[in-house]
Amino acid sequence: MLTKITLFFQFLNDGTASENEQEISLEIACAVLLCEVMRADGHFDPQEQAHISKILMTQFQLTPAEVAEIIDQAIKLSEHATDFYQFTSKINQHYSLEQRINMVCLLWQLAYADGELAAIEEHIIRKIADLLYLNHHEYIQAKLAAQQ
């Protein structure tokens, strides 16, 4: 436990990154939320990892090398995050309502990528949808769109 805490503070106090460099990009914010859903059930399914890569390449027109770097950063941030607010606030600043609904739809698609929906995945998507200021109807609309 003490080792985890020490590693966390070392991560925060890394002298190579200035405050400006620690600014979270929109791509990383989206990737972290996707990683949270992927990590939720405790299984790192290759189908889910491939699906995250595909989503990021499609949504942000990134190269496979850029996607791999973003996913690495997103997993590290996801492991050390205490909440979703820092990521959802970035998305709220830059995405319209339609884009936020689409983001939740992508989260649902990822949750279904391994063929089974865990209750914890559904719970996390609900929390993210609330932080993205989606009402229940929009949340269900995204879920139904992902199932099709």
N, C-alpha and C. Protein backbone atom coordinates (compact mmCIF):
# COMPACT_ATOMS: atom_id res chain seq x y z
N MET A 1 0.83 -1.19 0.00
CA MET A 1 0.00 0.00 0.00
C MET A 1 0.87 1.25 0.00
N LEU A 2 1.88 1.25 0.86
CA LEU A 2 2.78 2.40 0.94
C LEU A 2 3.52 2.59 -0.37
N THR A 3 3.85 1.50 -1.03
CA THR A 3 4.54 1.58 -2.32
C THR A 3 3.67 2.25 -3.36
N LYS A 4 2.37 1.91 -3.38
CA LYS A 4 1.44 2.52 -4.33
C LYS A 4 1.33 4.03 -4.09
N ILE A 5 1.27 4.42 -2.84
CA ILE A 5 1.17 5.84 -2.51
C ILE A 5 2.44 6.57 -2.95
N THR A 6 3.59 5.97 -2.68
CA THR A 6 4.86 6.56 -3.08
C THR A 6 4.94 6.71 -4.60
N LEU A 7 4.53 5.68 -5.33
CA LEU A 7 4.55 5.74 -6.79
C LEU A 7 3.61 6.82 -7.31
N PHE A 8 2.47 6.96 -6.65
CA PHE A 8 1.52 7.99 -7.06
C PHE A 8 2.12 9.38 -6.92
N PHE A 9 2.76 9.66 -5.78
CA PHE A 9 3.36 10.97 -5.58
C PHE A 9 4.56 11.19 -6.50
N GLN A 10 5.29 10.15 -6.81
CA GLN A 10 6.38 10.28 -7.78
C GLN A 10 5.83 10.64 -9.14
N PHE A 11 4.70 10.03 -9.49
CA PHE A 11 4.05 10.33 -10.75
C PHE A 11 3.62 11.80 -10.80
N LEU A 12 3.05 12.29 -9.71
CA LEU A 12 2.59 13.68 -9.65
C LEU A 12 3.74 14.68 -9.64
N ASN A 13 4.84 14.31 -9.00
CA ASN A 13 5.97 15.22 -8.86
C ASN A 13 7.04 15.03 -9.91
N ASP A 14 6.72 14.36 -10.98
CA ASP A 14 7.70 14.13 -12.04
C ASP A 14 8.18 15.49 -12.56
N GLY A 15 9.45 15.75 -12.41
CA GLY A 15 10.02 17.05 -12.75
C GLY A 15 10.09 17.33 -14.24
N THR A 16 9.84 16.33 -15.07
CA THR A 16 9.96 16.55 -16.51
C THR A 16 8.73 17.22 -17.10
N ALA A 17 7.63 17.23 -16.42
CA ALA A 17 6.39 17.79 -16.96
C ALA A 17 6.04 19.08 -16.25
N SER A 18 5.89 20.12 -17.02
CA SER A 18 5.47 21.40 -16.45
C SER A 18 3.96 21.40 -16.31
N GLU A 19 3.42 22.44 -15.71
CA GLU A 19 1.97 22.53 -15.53
C GLU A 19 1.26 22.56 -16.87
N ASN A 20 1.81 23.27 -17.85
CA ASN A 20 1.18 23.36 -19.16
C ASN A 20 1.17 22.01 -19.86
N GLU A 21 2.22 21.21 -19.67
CA GLU A 21 2.29 19.91 -20.31
C GLU A 21 1.33 18.94 -19.66
N GLN A 22 0.93 19.19 -18.43
CA GLN A 22 0.01 18.31 -17.75
C GLN A 22 -1.44 18.59 -18.14
N GLU A 23 -1.66 19.60 -18.95
CA GLU A 23 -2.99 19.90 -19.47
C GLU A 23 -3.49 18.68 -20.25
N ILE A 24 -4.66 18.23 -19.94
CA ILE A 24 -5.21 17.03 -20.56
C ILE A 24 -5.84 17.40 -21.90
N SER A 25 -5.44 16.71 -22.95
CA SER A 25 -6.02 16.97 -24.26
C SER A 25 -7.38 16.28 -24.35
N LEU A 26 -8.16 16.70 -25.32
CA LEU A 26 -9.47 16.13 -25.55
C LEU A 26 -9.35 14.64 -25.90
N GLU A 27 -8.35 14.31 -26.70
CA GLU A 27 -8.14 12.91 -27.08
C GLU A 27 -7.84 12.05 -25.87
N ILE A 28 -6.99 12.55 -24.99
CA ILE A 28 -6.63 11.79 -23.80
C ILE A 28 -7.83 11.69 -22.85
N ALA A 29 -8.59 12.76 -22.72
CA ALA A 29 -9.78 12.73 -21.86
C ALA A 29 -10.76 11.64 -22.33
N CYS A 30 -10.99 11.59 -23.63
CA CYS A 30 -11.88 10.55 -24.17
C CYS A 30 -11.28 9.16 -23.97
N ALA A 31 -9.98 9.04 -24.21
CA ALA A 31 -9.30 7.75 -24.07
C ALA A 31 -9.36 7.25 -22.63
N VAL A 32 -9.22 8.16 -21.66
CA VAL A 32 -9.27 7.75 -20.25
C VAL A 32 -10.65 7.20 -19.92
N LEU A 33 -11.70 7.85 -20.39
CA LEU A 33 -13.05 7.36 -20.12
C LEU A 33 -13.27 5.98 -20.76
N LEU A 34 -12.76 5.81 -21.95
CA LEU A 34 -12.85 4.50 -22.61
C LEU A 34 -12.07 3.45 -21.82
N CYS A 35 -10.89 3.82 -21.34
CA CYS A 35 -10.08 2.89 -20.55
C CYS A 35 -10.76 2.54 -19.23
N GLU A 36 -11.46 3.49 -18.65
CA GLU A 36 -12.18 3.21 -17.41
C GLU A 36 -13.24 2.13 -17.62
N VAL A 37 -13.94 2.21 -18.74
CA VAL A 37 -14.95 1.19 -19.04
C VAL A 37 -14.26 -0.15 -19.31
N MET A 38 -13.16 -0.12 -20.04
CA MET A 38 -12.43 -1.35 -20.34
C MET A 38 -11.91 -2.01 -19.07
N ARG A 39 -11.40 -1.23 -18.14
CA ARG A 39 -10.81 -1.74 -16.91
C ARG A 39 -11.86 -2.12 -15.86
N ALA A 40 -13.08 -1.68 -16.04
CA ALA A 40 -14.11 -1.81 -15.00
C ALA A 40 -14.32 -3.25 -14.53
N ASP A 41 -14.39 -4.17 -15.46
CA ASP A 41 -14.69 -5.55 -15.07
C ASP A 41 -13.45 -6.36 -14.68
N GLY A 42 -12.29 -5.73 -14.71
CA GLY A 42 -11.07 -6.40 -14.29
C GLY A 42 -10.44 -7.27 -15.36
N HIS A 43 -11.05 -7.35 -16.53
CA HIS A 43 -10.52 -8.16 -17.63
C HIS A 43 -10.05 -7.24 -18.74
N PHE A 44 -8.81 -7.43 -19.20
CA PHE A 44 -8.30 -6.65 -20.32
C PHE A 44 -8.46 -7.49 -21.58
N ASP A 45 -9.63 -7.41 -22.15
CA ASP A 45 -9.97 -8.20 -23.32
C ASP A 45 -9.34 -7.59 -24.57
N PRO A 46 -8.68 -8.38 -25.40
CA PRO A 46 -8.06 -7.86 -26.63
C PRO A 46 -9.08 -7.20 -27.56
N GLN A 47 -10.32 -7.70 -27.57
CA GLN A 47 -11.36 -7.10 -28.41
C GLN A 47 -11.64 -5.66 -27.96
N GLU A 48 -11.68 -5.45 -26.65
CA GLU A 48 -11.94 -4.11 -26.13
C GLU A 48 -10.77 -3.17 -26.43
N GLN A 49 -9.54 -3.67 -26.28
CA GLN A 49 -8.37 -2.84 -26.57
C GLN A 49 -8.33 -2.46 -28.05
N ALA A 50 -8.64 -3.40 -28.93
CA ALA A 50 -8.68 -3.11 -30.36
C ALA A 50 -9.80 -2.12 -30.68
N HIS A 51 -10.90 -2.24 -29.96
CA HIS A 51 -12.04 -1.33 -30.18
C HIS A 51 -11.68 0.10 -29.75
N ILE A 52 -10.95 0.24 -28.65
CA ILE A 52 -10.51 1.58 -28.24
C ILE A 52 -9.62 2.19 -29.31
N SER A 53 -8.69 1.42 -29.82
CA SER A 53 -7.79 1.92 -30.87
C SER A 53 -8.59 2.37 -32.09
N LYS A 54 -9.54 1.56 -32.49
CA LYS A 54 -10.38 1.89 -33.65
C LYS A 54 -11.17 3.18 -33.41
N ILE A 55 -11.75 3.30 -32.22
CA ILE A 55 -12.53 4.50 -31.89
C ILE A 55 -11.65 5.75 -31.97
N LEU A 56 -10.48 5.69 -31.35
CA LEU A 56 -9.60 6.86 -31.33
C LEU A 56 -9.11 7.22 -32.72
N MET A 57 -8.78 6.23 -33.54
CA MET A 57 -8.33 6.51 -34.91
C MET A 57 -9.45 7.17 -35.72
N THR A 58 -10.66 6.67 -35.55
CA THR A 58 -11.81 7.19 -36.29
C THR A 58 -12.22 8.58 -35.81
N GLN A 59 -12.35 8.75 -34.50
CA GLN A 59 -12.84 10.01 -33.93
C GLN A 59 -11.86 11.17 -34.12
N PHE A 60 -10.57 10.88 -34.04
CA PHE A 60 -9.58 11.96 -34.03
C PHE A 60 -8.61 11.91 -35.19
N GLN A 61 -8.82 11.02 -36.15
CA GLN A 61 -7.94 10.88 -37.32
C GLN A 61 -6.47 10.76 -36.90
N LEU A 62 -6.19 9.79 -36.05
CA LEU A 62 -4.84 9.59 -35.53
C LEU A 62 -4.18 8.38 -36.20
N THR A 63 -2.86 8.37 -36.17
CA THR A 63 -2.10 7.23 -36.68
C THR A 63 -2.07 6.15 -35.61
N PRO A 64 -1.77 4.92 -35.98
CA PRO A 64 -1.65 3.86 -34.98
C PRO A 64 -0.61 4.17 -33.90
N ALA A 65 0.49 4.80 -34.27
CA ALA A 65 1.53 5.16 -33.29
C ALA A 65 1.00 6.19 -32.30
N GLU A 66 0.26 7.19 -32.79
CA GLU A 66 -0.32 8.20 -31.91
C GLU A 66 -1.35 7.58 -30.97
N VAL A 67 -2.14 6.66 -31.51
CA VAL A 67 -3.15 5.98 -30.70
C VAL A 67 -2.49 5.17 -29.59
N ALA A 68 -1.43 4.46 -29.93
CA ALA A 68 -0.73 3.65 -28.92
C ALA A 68 -0.19 4.52 -27.80
N GLU A 69 0.36 5.68 -28.15
CA GLU A 69 0.89 6.61 -27.14
C GLU A 69 -0.23 7.16 -26.26
N ILE A 70 -1.34 7.54 -26.89
CA ILE A 70 -2.48 8.08 -26.13
C ILE A 70 -3.05 7.02 -25.19
N ILE A 71 -3.16 5.79 -25.67
CA ILE A 71 -3.70 4.73 -24.82
C ILE A 71 -2.77 4.47 -23.64
N ASP A 72 -1.47 4.47 -23.86
CA ASP A 72 -0.52 4.30 -22.75
C ASP A 72 -0.71 5.39 -21.70
N GLN A 73 -0.81 6.65 -22.14
CA GLN A 73 -1.03 7.76 -21.22
C GLN A 73 -2.37 7.63 -20.52
N ALA A 74 -3.39 7.24 -21.28
CA ALA A 74 -4.74 7.13 -20.72
C ALA A 74 -4.81 6.05 -19.65
N ILE A 75 -4.14 4.93 -19.88
CA ILE A 75 -4.16 3.86 -18.88
C ILE A 75 -3.48 4.33 -17.60
N LYS A 76 -2.35 5.04 -17.72
CA LYS A 76 -1.66 5.55 -16.54
C LYS A 76 -2.55 6.55 -15.79
N LEU A 77 -3.17 7.46 -16.52
CA LEU A 77 -4.06 8.43 -15.87
C LEU A 77 -5.26 7.74 -15.24
N SER A 78 -5.79 6.75 -15.91
CA SER A 78 -6.94 6.01 -15.41
C SER A 78 -6.60 5.29 -14.11
N GLU A 79 -5.42 4.72 -14.04
CA GLU A 79 -5.01 3.99 -12.84
C GLU A 79 -4.84 4.92 -11.64
N HIS A 80 -4.50 6.18 -11.88
CA HIS A 80 -4.24 7.12 -10.79
C HIS A 80 -5.37 8.11 -10.55
N ALA A 81 -6.41 8.06 -11.36
CA ALA A 81 -7.52 9.01 -11.23
C ALA A 81 -8.39 8.68 -10.03
N THR A 82 -8.82 9.71 -9.34
CA THR A 82 -9.73 9.52 -8.21
C THR A 82 -11.18 9.78 -8.60
N ASP A 83 -11.38 10.46 -9.73
CA ASP A 83 -12.73 10.71 -10.23
C ASP A 83 -12.67 10.94 -11.73
N PHE A 84 -13.83 11.16 -12.33
CA PHE A 84 -13.93 11.37 -13.77
C PHE A 84 -14.03 12.85 -14.14
N TYR A 85 -14.20 13.71 -13.16
CA TYR A 85 -14.53 15.11 -13.44
C TYR A 85 -13.49 15.80 -14.32
N GLN A 86 -12.20 15.59 -14.04
CA GLN A 86 -11.17 16.27 -14.82
C GLN A 86 -11.24 15.91 -16.30
N PHE A 87 -11.76 14.73 -16.60
CA PHE A 87 -11.87 14.28 -17.99
C PHE A 87 -13.20 14.71 -18.61
N THR A 88 -14.29 14.55 -17.87
CA THR A 88 -15.59 14.93 -18.40
C THR A 88 -15.73 16.44 -18.56
N SER A 89 -15.07 17.20 -17.69
CA SER A 89 -15.15 18.66 -17.82
C SER A 89 -14.49 19.12 -19.12
N LYS A 90 -13.42 18.46 -19.52
CA LYS A 90 -12.75 18.79 -20.79
C LYS A 90 -13.69 18.50 -21.96
N ILE A 91 -14.37 17.38 -21.88
CA ILE A 91 -15.32 17.02 -22.94
C ILE A 91 -16.50 17.99 -22.96
N ASN A 92 -17.00 18.36 -21.78
CA ASN A 92 -18.12 19.31 -21.71
C ASN A 92 -17.74 20.66 -22.31
N GLN A 93 -16.49 21.06 -22.16
CA GLN A 93 -16.03 22.35 -22.69
C GLN A 93 -16.00 22.35 -24.22
N HIS A 94 -15.74 21.21 -24.82
CA HIS A 94 -15.48 21.18 -26.26
C HIS A 94 -16.52 20.43 -27.09
N TYR A 95 -17.39 19.67 -26.47
CA TYR A 95 -18.35 18.86 -27.21
C TYR A 95 -19.76 19.41 -27.07
N SER A 96 -20.50 19.34 -28.16
CA SER A 96 -21.91 19.68 -28.14
C SER A 96 -22.69 18.53 -27.49
N LEU A 97 -23.97 18.74 -27.28
CA LEU A 97 -24.81 17.70 -26.70
C LEU A 97 -24.78 16.44 -27.58
N GLU A 98 -24.90 16.61 -28.88
CA GLU A 98 -24.87 15.47 -29.80
C GLU A 98 -23.56 14.70 -29.67
N GLN A 99 -22.46 15.41 -29.58
CA GLN A 99 -21.15 14.77 -29.46
C GLN A 99 -21.01 14.04 -28.13
N ARG A 100 -21.58 14.60 -27.07
CA ARG A 100 -21.52 13.94 -25.76
C ARG A 100 -22.38 12.66 -25.77
N ILE A 101 -23.54 12.72 -26.43
CA ILE A 101 -24.37 11.52 -26.58
C ILE A 101 -23.60 10.47 -27.37
N ASN A 102 -22.92 10.90 -28.42
CA ASN A 102 -22.11 9.98 -29.22
C ASN A 102 -21.00 9.36 -28.37
N MET A 103 -20.39 10.16 -27.51
CA MET A 103 -19.32 9.65 -26.64
C MET A 103 -19.85 8.53 -25.74
N VAL A 104 -21.02 8.73 -25.18
CA VAL A 104 -21.63 7.71 -24.31
C VAL A 104 -21.99 6.48 -25.15
N CYS A 105 -22.43 6.69 -26.37
CA CYS A 105 -22.71 5.57 -27.27
C CYS A 105 -21.43 4.76 -27.51
N LEU A 106 -20.30 5.44 -27.69
CA LEU A 106 -19.02 4.75 -27.88
C LEU A 106 -18.64 3.96 -26.63
N LEU A 107 -18.93 4.51 -25.45
CA LEU A 107 -18.67 3.78 -24.21
C LEU A 107 -19.50 2.51 -24.15
N TRP A 108 -20.76 2.62 -24.56
CA TRP A 108 -21.62 1.43 -24.59
C TRP A 108 -21.09 0.41 -25.57
N GLN A 109 -20.68 0.85 -26.77
CA GLN A 109 -20.14 -0.07 -27.76
C GLN A 109 -18.93 -0.82 -27.21
N LEU A 110 -18.09 -0.09 -26.49
CA LEU A 110 -16.92 -0.71 -25.88
C LEU A 110 -17.32 -1.74 -24.83
N ALA A 111 -18.31 -1.40 -24.02
CA ALA A 111 -18.77 -2.32 -22.98
C ALA A 111 -19.32 -3.61 -23.59
N TYR A 112 -19.94 -3.51 -24.75
CA TYR A 112 -20.50 -4.68 -25.43
C TYR A 112 -19.47 -5.40 -26.30
N ALA A 113 -18.28 -4.84 -26.49
CA ALA A 113 -17.29 -5.39 -27.42
C ALA A 113 -16.84 -6.80 -27.06
N ASP A 114 -16.81 -7.13 -25.78
CA ASP A 114 -16.37 -8.47 -25.38
C ASP A 114 -17.52 -9.47 -25.30
N GLY A 115 -18.71 -9.04 -25.70
CA GLY A 115 -19.85 -9.95 -25.74
C GLY A 115 -20.67 -10.03 -24.47
N GLU A 116 -20.22 -9.36 -23.41
CA GLU A 116 -21.00 -9.37 -22.17
C GLU A 116 -20.90 -8.01 -21.48
N LEU A 117 -22.00 -7.63 -20.86
CA LEU A 117 -22.06 -6.35 -20.16
C LEU A 117 -22.03 -6.62 -18.66
N ALA A 118 -20.97 -6.16 -18.02
CA ALA A 118 -20.85 -6.30 -16.57
C ALA A 118 -21.61 -5.15 -15.90
N ALA A 119 -22.18 -5.41 -14.74
CA ALA A 119 -22.93 -4.39 -14.01
C ALA A 119 -22.05 -3.19 -13.69
N ILE A 120 -20.78 -3.42 -13.39
CA ILE A 120 -19.87 -2.31 -13.06
C ILE A 120 -19.63 -1.43 -14.29
N GLU A 121 -19.60 -2.03 -15.49
CA GLU A 121 -19.45 -1.23 -16.71
C GLU A 121 -20.65 -0.31 -16.88
N GLU A 122 -21.83 -0.86 -16.67
CA GLU A 122 -23.06 -0.06 -16.78
C GLU A 122 -23.06 1.07 -15.75
N HIS A 123 -22.61 0.77 -14.54
CA HIS A 123 -22.55 1.77 -13.47
C HIS A 123 -21.59 2.91 -13.84
N ILE A 124 -20.43 2.57 -14.37
CA ILE A 124 -19.45 3.60 -14.74
C ILE A 124 -19.97 4.46 -15.89
N ILE A 125 -20.60 3.83 -16.87
CA ILE A 125 -21.15 4.61 -17.99
C ILE A 125 -22.23 5.55 -17.48
N ARG A 126 -23.04 5.10 -16.52
CA ARG A 126 -24.07 5.97 -15.95
C ARG A 126 -23.44 7.18 -15.26
N LYS A 127 -22.38 6.94 -14.48
CA LYS A 127 -21.69 8.05 -13.80
C LYS A 127 -21.11 9.04 -14.82
N ILE A 128 -20.51 8.52 -15.86
CA ILE A 128 -19.92 9.38 -16.89
C ILE A 128 -21.02 10.18 -17.59
N ALA A 129 -22.13 9.51 -17.93
CA ALA A 129 -23.24 10.20 -18.59
C ALA A 129 -23.78 11.33 -17.72
N ASP A 130 -23.87 11.10 -16.41
CA ASP A 130 -24.32 12.16 -15.50
C ASP A 130 -23.34 13.34 -15.52
N LEU A 131 -22.05 13.05 -15.51
CA LEU A 131 -21.05 14.13 -15.54
C LEU A 131 -21.01 14.85 -16.88
N LEU A 132 -21.50 14.19 -17.93
CA LEU A 132 -21.59 14.84 -19.24
C LEU A 132 -22.94 15.54 -19.42
N TYR A 133 -23.69 15.62 -18.33
CA TYR A 133 -24.98 16.31 -18.29
C TYR A 133 -26.01 15.75 -19.27
N LEU A 134 -26.04 14.42 -19.38
CA LEU A 134 -27.06 13.77 -20.20
C LEU A 134 -28.22 13.37 -19.30
N ASN A 135 -29.43 13.60 -19.79
CA ASN A 135 -30.58 13.15 -19.02
C ASN A 135 -30.81 11.66 -19.28
N HIS A 136 -31.76 11.08 -18.58
CA HIS A 136 -31.98 9.64 -18.66
C HIS A 136 -32.36 9.21 -20.09
N HIS A 137 -33.18 10.01 -20.73
CA HIS A 137 -33.59 9.69 -22.11
C HIS A 137 -32.38 9.64 -23.04
N GLU A 138 -31.48 10.59 -22.93
CA GLU A 138 -30.28 10.62 -23.78
C GLU A 138 -29.36 9.44 -23.47
N TYR A 139 -29.26 9.08 -22.19
CA TYR A 139 -28.46 7.94 -21.75
C TYR A 139 -29.00 6.65 -22.38
N ILE A 140 -30.30 6.46 -22.32
CA ILE A 140 -30.94 5.26 -22.90
C ILE A 140 -30.84 5.29 -24.43
N GLN A 141 -30.99 6.47 -25.01
CA GLN A 141 -30.85 6.61 -26.47
C GLN A 141 -29.46 6.14 -26.91
N ALA A 142 -28.43 6.52 -26.18
CA ALA A 142 -27.07 6.11 -26.51
C ALA A 142 -26.91 4.59 -26.36
N LYS A 143 -27.50 4.04 -25.32
CA LYS A 143 -27.41 2.60 -25.08
C LYS A 143 -28.08 1.81 -26.20
N LEU A 144 -29.26 2.24 -26.61
CA LEU A 144 -29.98 1.57 -27.68
C LEU A 144 -29.25 1.70 -29.01
N ALA A 145 -28.67 2.86 -29.27
CA ALA A 145 -27.91 3.06 -30.51
C ALA A 145 -26.70 2.14 -30.55
N ALA A 146 -26.07 1.92 -29.42
CA ALA A 146 -24.89 1.04 -29.36
C ALA A 146 -25.25 -0.42 -29.57
N GLN A 147 -26.45 -0.81 -29.18
CA GLN A 147 -26.88 -2.20 -29.32
C GLN A 147 -27.20 -2.57 -30.75
N GLN A 148 -27.45 -1.59 -31.60
CA GLN A 148 -27.84 -1.85 -32.99
C GLN A 148 -26.65 -2.11 -33.87
